[in-house]
Amino acid sequence: MSFYWWVFPQPVKEVNKKEPNWPHVHKELAKKGVTLSLLWSEYLEECQGANPYLYSAFCRKYRAWAVSNKLVMHIEHKPGCEMQVDYAGMKMAIADPDTGELLDVYVFVASLPYSGYIFAKGFLKTDEEGWLKAHLDAFSFFGGTTTIIIPDNLKTGITKNNYEELIINESYRRMAEYYGCAIVPARPSRPRDKGHVEMSVGVVTRSALAALRNRVFTSTREFNEALLGKVDEINSRTFQKRPGSRKSVFLSEEKDALMPLPPVPYELCVVKTATVQFNYHVYIDGVYYSCPFSYVRREVECRIYPSSIAIFAAHERIALHKRSFARKGAYVTDTSHMPEAHKDFASWNADRFKKWALEYGQATHAVIEAILTSRSVEQHSYRSC
């Protein structure tokens, strides 16, 4: 009989084992860098002579506890690690108060997978500037940044994404670096890579955009105030299968896990390349800005800020202009950029002609004014003056 027990030992029954505090284990496991191995080591220290579980049993019992309490989602997502972003498929509209024209509004959605907390805001454009501004507003709304940003493969953010190469838009990359984030786009044709924001877009569409579809808005500010109210209702709604709400989980478990915002906000900057034209100007967003004439036909880097335009060549700034929102085709010219032969010609304008005419008397001034107004295009009368 003793020989049988020696060859085929019976499993030792787990009796008088110290039971871990599973809710505490679960909460700690959600924190960055915390593993089951580390928590088991801490559990051994707490036992202080009591009979502890072996590591394999510790892991097995934790998983069983998590499944029975329907808390597996906390294992999949760490607080403060991911922010998933996308545009909603449903467009809204605002009415121009002057013309009555309906302008499309594109709704940007960002979500934090751990808590489910949602941010949404409408923008009139989906260009690079609008895309970056949406991220900055999301960071401000959450009060911090995440380690990883997961976008779709839209061209304003991702230049190329395939099995061989990943190229992130330069402006997007610079913004992410400033906030210490890594951009990890979803794989092409793999919507599950950003499944949480896909779900959040659906919730925002059904519970917010559909509810606002019949209201008439005259500005994006008015629309976003209404949208923010609806999103707050969504975030405050009690979960069906877990305690709390998106908002309560975010405030109690995730907000402190976010990386703090830098003391100085990121200055929005869109980077483009352009070739200096024969008239020593570059074309940026419908307006021509001057460069020193010696850079004609050279490629330059244009950094577009909300209030200024900076032009660089070989990492050296060669021009700085106040950003113009004038009509399309307008020129912004610094006379110091012009060849000497052009400066005198550029200084001839209506005010100079009138000032010159007054030196000879009111009669001469009246003749010059008549000549200036005789042509539909004022510049065509300069030769006569």
Protein backbone atom coordinates (compact mmCIF):
# COMPACT_ATOMS: atom_id res chain seq x y z
CA MET A 1 0.00 0.00 0.00
CA SER A 2 2.79 2.42 0.88
CA PHE A 3 4.50 1.54 -2.39
CA TYR A 4 1.34 2.51 -4.34
CA TRP A 5 1.14 5.89 -2.65
CA TRP A 6 4.82 6.49 -3.29
CA VAL A 7 4.48 5.74 -7.06
CA PHE A 8 1.08 7.38 -7.52
CA PRO A 9 0.87 10.23 -4.99
CA GLN A 10 -2.53 11.76 -4.50
CA PRO A 11 -3.00 15.49 -5.22
CA VAL A 12 -2.65 17.63 -2.15
CA LYS A 13 -5.92 19.26 -1.27
CA GLU A 14 -5.83 23.01 -1.02
CA VAL A 15 -6.94 23.36 2.57
CA ASN A 16 -6.52 26.32 4.88
CA LYS A 17 -5.21 28.50 2.06
CA LYS A 18 -5.18 32.26 2.58
CA GLU A 19 -7.67 33.69 0.10
CA PRO A 20 -6.38 36.74 -1.78
CA ASN A 21 -8.40 39.94 -1.92
CA TRP A 22 -9.56 39.44 -5.51
CA PRO A 23 -11.20 42.89 -5.98
CA HIS A 24 -7.92 44.48 -4.89
CA VAL A 25 -5.92 42.19 -7.21
CA HIS A 26 -8.22 43.09 -10.09
CA LYS A 27 -7.94 46.83 -9.48
CA GLU A 28 -4.13 46.72 -9.15
CA LEU A 29 -3.77 44.57 -12.27
CA ALA A 30 -5.37 47.35 -14.30
CA LYS A 31 -2.49 49.71 -13.49
CA LYS A 32 0.45 50.20 -15.83
CA GLY A 33 3.32 47.74 -15.35
CA VAL A 34 1.47 45.57 -12.82
CA THR A 35 1.40 41.82 -13.57
CA LEU A 36 -0.08 38.77 -11.89
CA SER A 37 3.45 37.65 -11.02
CA LEU A 38 4.10 40.88 -9.11
CA LEU A 39 0.75 40.67 -7.32
CA TRP A 40 1.41 37.04 -6.36
CA SER A 41 4.76 38.08 -4.84
CA GLU A 42 2.98 40.76 -2.79
CA TYR A 43 0.36 38.18 -1.79
CA LEU A 44 3.11 35.88 -0.46
CA GLU A 45 4.43 38.71 1.71
CA GLU A 46 0.94 39.29 3.12
CA CYS A 47 0.51 35.64 4.07
CA GLN A 48 3.07 35.88 6.94
CA GLY A 49 3.17 32.20 7.77
CA ALA A 50 -0.28 31.34 6.41
CA ASN A 51 -0.56 28.73 3.71
CA PRO A 52 -0.45 30.56 0.31
CA TYR A 53 -1.58 29.46 -3.15
CA LEU A 54 1.09 28.50 -5.65
CA TYR A 55 1.46 30.88 -8.59
CA SER A 56 -0.40 28.61 -11.04
CA ALA A 57 -3.33 28.26 -8.66
CA PHE A 58 -3.28 32.01 -7.96
CA CYS A 59 -3.62 32.78 -11.69
CA ARG A 60 -6.28 30.10 -12.24
CA LYS A 61 -8.43 31.28 -9.37
CA TYR A 62 -8.12 34.94 -10.39
CA ARG A 63 -9.29 34.22 -13.94
CA ALA A 64 -12.22 32.20 -12.60
CA TRP A 65 -13.15 35.07 -10.27
CA ALA A 66 -12.86 37.65 -13.08
CA VAL A 67 -15.04 35.61 -15.44
CA SER A 68 -17.68 34.98 -12.76
CA ASN A 69 -17.82 38.73 -12.08
CA LYS A 70 -17.84 39.65 -15.80
CA LEU A 71 -14.77 41.83 -15.41
CA VAL A 72 -12.57 40.40 -18.14
CA MET A 73 -12.64 43.75 -20.00
CA HIS A 74 -10.36 45.27 -17.34
CA ILE A 75 -7.75 42.68 -18.21
CA GLU A 76 -7.79 43.68 -21.88
CA HIS A 77 -7.43 47.44 -21.43
CA LYS A 78 -5.18 49.37 -19.08
CA PRO A 79 -6.36 52.79 -17.83
CA GLY A 80 -4.74 55.72 -19.58
CA CYS A 81 -3.07 53.58 -22.24
CA GLU A 82 -5.24 54.04 -25.34
CA MET A 83 -7.31 56.70 -27.04
CA GLN A 84 -9.14 55.56 -30.17
CA VAL A 85 -10.30 58.22 -32.65
CA ASP A 86 -12.49 58.41 -35.75
CA TYR A 87 -15.07 60.54 -37.55
CA ALA A 88 -18.75 59.67 -37.31
CA GLY A 89 -20.30 58.57 -40.58
CA MET A 90 -23.36 60.77 -40.05
CA LYS A 91 -22.81 64.43 -41.01
CA MET A 92 -24.72 67.29 -39.41
CA ALA A 93 -25.32 70.80 -40.77
CA ILE A 94 -25.43 74.42 -39.66
CA ALA A 95 -27.17 77.29 -41.45
CA ASP A 96 -25.11 80.33 -42.40
CA PRO A 97 -26.96 83.22 -40.66
CA ASP A 98 -26.13 85.62 -43.54
CA THR A 99 -26.82 83.50 -46.62
CA GLY A 100 -28.91 80.64 -45.24
CA GLU A 101 -26.52 78.17 -46.90
CA LEU A 102 -26.24 74.80 -45.17
CA LEU A 103 -22.67 73.92 -44.21
CA ASP A 104 -21.63 70.35 -43.46
CA VAL A 105 -20.39 69.56 -39.95
CA TYR A 106 -18.13 66.54 -39.43
CA VAL A 107 -18.22 64.98 -35.96
CA PHE A 108 -14.94 63.79 -34.45
CA VAL A 109 -15.22 61.06 -31.76
CA ALA A 110 -12.53 59.96 -29.28
CA SER A 111 -12.96 57.26 -26.65
CA LEU A 112 -10.94 55.68 -23.84
CA PRO A 113 -11.46 51.89 -24.01
CA TYR A 114 -10.86 51.21 -20.31
CA SER A 115 -13.61 53.44 -18.92
CA GLY A 116 -15.57 53.93 -22.15
CA TYR A 117 -15.45 57.72 -21.65
CA ILE A 118 -16.39 59.56 -24.87
CA PHE A 119 -15.55 62.94 -26.39
CA ALA A 120 -17.28 64.32 -29.50
CA LYS A 121 -17.08 67.64 -31.32
CA GLY A 122 -18.14 69.02 -34.71
CA PHE A 123 -15.81 70.69 -37.22
CA LEU A 124 -16.41 72.34 -40.59
CA LYS A 125 -13.31 70.77 -42.17
CA THR A 126 -11.56 67.41 -42.03
CA ASP A 127 -8.21 68.68 -43.30
CA GLU A 128 -4.94 68.37 -41.38
CA GLU A 129 -5.59 71.48 -39.32
CA GLY A 130 -9.07 70.27 -38.31
CA TRP A 131 -7.74 66.78 -37.52
CA LEU A 132 -4.99 68.11 -35.22
CA LYS A 133 -7.34 70.62 -33.56
CA ALA A 134 -9.76 67.77 -32.79
CA HIS A 135 -7.02 65.86 -30.96
CA LEU A 136 -5.98 68.92 -28.94
CA ASP A 137 -9.59 69.48 -27.90
CA ALA A 138 -9.91 65.81 -26.90
CA PHE A 139 -6.77 66.03 -24.73
CA SER A 140 -8.17 69.15 -23.09
CA PHE A 141 -11.53 67.44 -22.48
CA PHE A 142 -9.94 64.36 -20.87
CA GLY A 143 -7.47 66.47 -18.90
CA GLY A 144 -4.48 64.43 -20.03
CA THR A 145 -3.05 62.24 -22.77
CA THR A 146 -2.74 58.50 -23.34
CA THR A 147 0.34 56.47 -24.22
CA ILE A 148 -1.13 55.31 -27.54
CA ILE A 149 -3.44 56.92 -30.10
CA ILE A 150 -5.24 54.53 -32.45
CA PRO A 151 -6.67 56.26 -35.55
CA ASP A 152 -8.04 54.93 -38.81
CA ASN A 153 -5.91 55.16 -41.97
CA LEU A 154 -7.31 58.46 -43.23
CA LYS A 155 -4.89 60.49 -45.37
CA THR A 156 -4.84 63.51 -43.05
CA GLY A 157 -3.15 61.36 -40.41
CA ILE A 158 -1.51 58.37 -42.05
CA THR A 159 0.45 58.68 -45.30
CA LYS A 160 1.14 54.97 -45.76
CA ASN A 161 0.33 51.82 -43.78
CA ASN A 162 0.99 48.35 -45.14
CA TYR A 163 2.92 45.22 -44.20
CA GLU A 164 6.20 46.79 -45.32
CA GLU A 165 6.02 50.39 -44.18
CA LEU A 166 4.24 52.81 -41.85
CA ILE A 167 4.52 56.54 -42.63
CA ILE A 168 2.72 58.97 -40.34
CA ASN A 169 1.86 62.47 -41.53
CA GLU A 170 4.62 64.84 -40.39
CA SER A 171 2.28 67.32 -38.67
CA TYR A 172 0.47 64.51 -36.86
CA ARG A 173 3.77 62.94 -35.76
CA ARG A 174 5.09 66.21 -34.35
CA MET A 175 1.91 66.80 -32.37
CA ALA A 176 2.04 63.27 -30.90
CA GLU A 177 5.73 63.62 -29.99
CA TYR A 178 5.03 66.88 -28.15
CA TYR A 179 2.50 65.07 -25.93
CA GLY A 180 4.60 61.90 -25.55
CA CYS A 181 2.14 59.71 -27.48
CA ALA A 182 2.74 56.92 -29.96
CA ILE A 183 0.47 56.69 -33.01
CA VAL A 184 -0.46 53.09 -33.79
CA PRO A 185 -3.04 53.11 -36.62
CA ALA A 186 -5.48 50.27 -37.11
CA ARG A 187 -4.45 47.73 -39.71
CA PRO A 188 -6.12 48.25 -43.11
CA SER A 189 -9.48 46.45 -43.26
CA ARG A 190 -9.24 45.55 -39.55
CA PRO A 191 -11.94 47.65 -37.84
CA ARG A 192 -11.64 45.55 -34.66
CA ASP A 193 -8.27 47.18 -34.01
CA LYS A 194 -10.27 50.27 -33.05
CA GLY A 195 -13.46 48.46 -32.11
CA HIS A 196 -14.18 50.61 -29.08
CA VAL A 197 -14.38 53.88 -30.99
CA GLU A 198 -16.49 52.13 -33.64
CA MET A 199 -18.93 51.26 -30.87
CA SER A 200 -18.69 54.80 -29.44
CA VAL A 201 -19.44 56.31 -32.86
CA GLY A 202 -22.58 54.16 -32.98
CA VAL A 203 -23.65 55.31 -29.52
CA VAL A 204 -23.04 58.99 -30.36
CA THR A 205 -24.89 58.64 -33.67
CA ARG A 206 -27.96 57.02 -32.10
CA SER A 207 -28.14 58.91 -28.81
CA ALA A 208 -26.82 62.35 -29.79
CA LEU A 209 -26.75 63.10 -33.52
CA ALA A 210 -30.09 61.46 -34.27
CA ALA A 211 -31.66 63.37 -31.37
CA LEU A 212 -30.32 66.68 -32.75
CA ARG A 213 -31.14 66.02 -36.42
CA ASN A 214 -34.22 68.30 -36.54
CA ARG A 215 -32.71 71.27 -34.70
CA VAL A 216 -31.46 74.26 -36.70
CA PHE A 217 -28.04 75.57 -35.65
CA THR A 218 -26.43 78.78 -36.90
CA SER A 219 -22.87 78.20 -35.66
CA THR A 220 -20.55 75.35 -34.76
CA ARG A 221 -20.37 76.74 -31.22
CA GLU A 222 -24.12 76.39 -30.80
CA PHE A 223 -24.06 72.88 -32.26
CA ASN A 224 -21.15 71.75 -30.08
CA GLU A 225 -22.80 73.03 -26.91
CA ALA A 226 -25.86 70.88 -27.69
CA LEU A 227 -23.68 67.91 -28.68
CA LEU A 228 -21.62 68.17 -25.48
CA GLY A 229 -24.82 68.05 -23.43
CA LYS A 230 -25.90 64.84 -25.18
CA VAL A 231 -22.45 63.26 -24.79
CA ASP A 232 -22.47 64.08 -21.07
CA GLU A 233 -25.78 62.21 -20.80
CA ILE A 234 -24.18 59.20 -22.51
CA ASN A 235 -21.13 59.30 -20.21
CA SER A 236 -23.33 59.58 -17.11
CA ARG A 237 -25.61 56.70 -18.12
CA THR A 238 -25.34 53.69 -15.76
CA PHE A 239 -23.74 50.55 -17.20
CA GLN A 240 -25.98 47.53 -17.67
CA LYS A 241 -23.40 44.82 -16.93
CA ARG A 242 -20.94 46.51 -14.59
CA PRO A 243 -21.18 48.98 -11.73
CA GLY A 244 -20.98 52.72 -12.30
CA SER A 245 -20.97 54.72 -15.52
CA ARG A 246 -18.40 55.81 -18.09
CA LYS A 247 -17.96 59.05 -16.21
CA SER A 248 -17.66 57.53 -12.72
CA VAL A 249 -15.14 54.90 -13.85
CA PHE A 250 -13.12 57.56 -15.69
CA LEU A 251 -13.00 59.87 -12.67
CA SER A 252 -12.27 57.15 -10.09
CA GLU A 253 -9.94 54.82 -12.01
CA GLU A 254 -8.60 56.35 -15.24
CA LYS A 255 -8.21 60.12 -14.97
CA ASP A 256 -5.18 59.88 -12.66
CA ALA A 257 -3.57 57.31 -14.98
CA LEU A 258 -3.44 59.76 -17.91
CA MET A 259 -0.17 61.51 -18.70
CA PRO A 260 -0.34 65.17 -17.58
CA LEU A 261 -0.68 67.88 -20.19
CA PRO A 262 2.45 69.97 -20.85
CA PRO A 263 2.50 73.41 -19.15
CA VAL A 264 2.49 75.13 -22.56
CA PRO A 265 -0.19 73.94 -25.03
CA TYR A 266 0.99 72.67 -28.39
CA GLU A 267 0.99 75.36 -31.06
CA LEU A 268 -1.00 73.96 -33.93
CA CYS A 269 1.22 73.64 -36.99
CA VAL A 270 0.57 72.09 -40.38
CA VAL A 271 3.71 71.40 -42.43
CA LYS A 272 3.65 71.49 -46.24
CA THR A 273 6.29 71.66 -48.94
CA ALA A 274 6.05 74.08 -51.87
CA THR A 275 8.20 75.37 -54.71
CA VAL A 276 8.94 79.09 -54.87
CA GLN A 277 7.37 80.40 -58.09
CA PHE A 278 9.03 82.68 -60.62
CA ASN A 279 7.40 85.71 -58.90
CA TYR A 280 9.17 84.68 -55.60
CA HIS A 281 5.88 83.66 -53.88
CA VAL A 282 4.57 80.32 -52.58
CA TYR A 283 0.91 79.33 -52.69
CA ILE A 284 -0.57 78.37 -49.29
CA ASP A 285 -4.29 77.84 -48.69
CA GLY A 286 -5.36 80.15 -51.52
CA VAL A 287 -2.96 83.02 -50.72
CA TYR A 288 0.49 83.84 -52.15
CA TYR A 289 3.27 84.61 -49.64
CA SER A 290 6.62 86.07 -50.62
CA CYS A 291 10.11 84.63 -50.12
CA PRO A 292 13.51 86.21 -50.85
CA PHE A 293 13.77 86.26 -54.68
CA SER A 294 17.02 84.26 -54.54
CA TYR A 295 14.99 81.14 -53.63
CA VAL A 296 13.02 81.07 -56.90
CA ARG A 297 12.38 77.48 -58.12
CA ARG A 298 13.66 75.99 -54.87
CA GLU A 299 11.58 73.71 -52.66
CA VAL A 300 10.81 75.13 -49.22
CA GLU A 301 9.02 73.93 -46.08
CA CYS A 302 5.95 75.94 -45.06
CA ARG A 303 4.81 75.79 -41.45
CA ILE A 304 1.23 76.96 -41.13
CA TYR A 305 0.24 78.26 -37.69
CA PRO A 306 -3.20 79.64 -36.73
CA SER A 307 -1.94 83.24 -36.97
CA SER A 308 1.30 83.10 -38.97
CA ILE A 309 3.13 81.47 -41.87
CA ALA A 310 6.82 80.53 -41.49
CA ILE A 311 8.86 79.46 -44.53
CA PHE A 312 12.07 77.44 -44.15
CA ALA A 313 14.85 76.39 -46.53
CA ALA A 314 17.55 73.96 -45.39
CA HIS A 315 16.20 74.26 -41.79
CA GLU A 316 16.68 78.04 -41.84
CA ARG A 317 13.72 80.40 -41.64
CA ILE A 318 13.73 82.69 -44.67
CA ALA A 319 10.30 84.36 -44.31
CA LEU A 320 7.65 85.03 -41.68
CA HIS A 321 4.22 86.46 -42.50
CA LYS A 322 1.03 87.17 -40.60
CA ARG A 323 -1.48 84.63 -41.87
CA SER A 324 -3.99 86.12 -44.30
CA PHE A 325 -7.60 85.03 -44.69
CA ALA A 326 -8.23 87.37 -47.62
CA ARG A 327 -9.93 86.36 -50.85
CA LYS A 328 -8.45 83.53 -52.86
CA GLY A 329 -5.51 84.65 -54.99
CA ALA A 330 -4.46 87.52 -52.71
CA TYR A 331 -0.76 88.38 -52.32
CA VAL A 332 1.16 88.99 -49.10
CA THR A 333 4.51 90.55 -50.00
CA ASP A 334 7.45 91.70 -47.90
CA THR A 335 9.28 94.36 -49.94
CA SER A 336 12.63 93.18 -48.56
CA HIS A 337 12.12 89.97 -50.55
CA MET A 338 11.90 91.83 -53.86
CA PRO A 339 14.69 92.51 -56.35
CA GLU A 340 15.79 96.16 -56.35
CA ALA A 341 14.31 96.66 -59.82
CA HIS A 342 10.85 95.68 -58.52
CA LYS A 343 10.75 97.72 -55.32
CA ASP A 344 10.20 101.10 -56.92
CA PHE A 345 7.43 99.73 -59.13
CA ALA A 346 5.67 98.11 -56.17
CA SER A 347 5.65 101.38 -54.25
CA TRP A 348 3.48 103.04 -56.92
CA ASN A 349 -0.12 102.93 -55.74
CA ALA A 350 -3.17 105.21 -55.54
CA ASP A 351 -2.14 106.79 -52.23
CA ARG A 352 1.29 107.69 -53.59
CA PHE A 353 -0.21 109.28 -56.71
CA LYS A 354 -2.66 111.35 -54.65
CA LYS A 355 0.03 112.50 -52.24
CA TRP A 356 2.23 113.51 -55.17
CA ALA A 357 -0.69 115.39 -56.86
CA LEU A 358 -1.40 117.44 -53.70
CA GLU A 359 2.08 118.90 -53.95
CA TYR A 360 0.92 120.66 -57.14
CA GLY A 361 -2.49 121.77 -55.87
CA GLN A 362 -6.13 120.68 -55.61
CA ALA A 363 -6.70 120.83 -59.36
CA THR A 364 -3.95 118.29 -60.03
CA HIS A 365 -5.31 116.14 -57.20
CA ALA A 366 -8.77 116.21 -58.78
CA VAL A 367 -7.37 115.14 -62.19
CA ILE A 368 -5.45 112.23 -60.65
CA GLU A 369 -8.54 111.05 -58.75
CA ALA A 370 -10.56 111.18 -62.00
CA ILE A 371 -7.91 109.11 -63.81
CA LEU A 372 -7.76 106.55 -60.98
CA THR A 373 -11.51 106.00 -61.11
CA SER A 374 -11.70 105.94 -64.92
CA ARG A 375 -10.75 102.26 -65.16
CA SER A 376 -12.53 99.26 -63.68
CA VAL A 377 -9.14 97.97 -62.48
CA GLU A 378 -7.27 100.76 -60.65
CA GLN A 379 -3.81 99.46 -61.56
CA HIS A 380 -4.61 99.92 -65.26
CA SER A 381 -4.69 103.72 -64.73
CA TYR A 382 -1.23 104.01 -63.15
CA ARG A 383 0.56 104.55 -66.46
CA SER A 384 -1.75 107.50 -67.30
CA CYS A 385 -1.16 109.01 -63.86
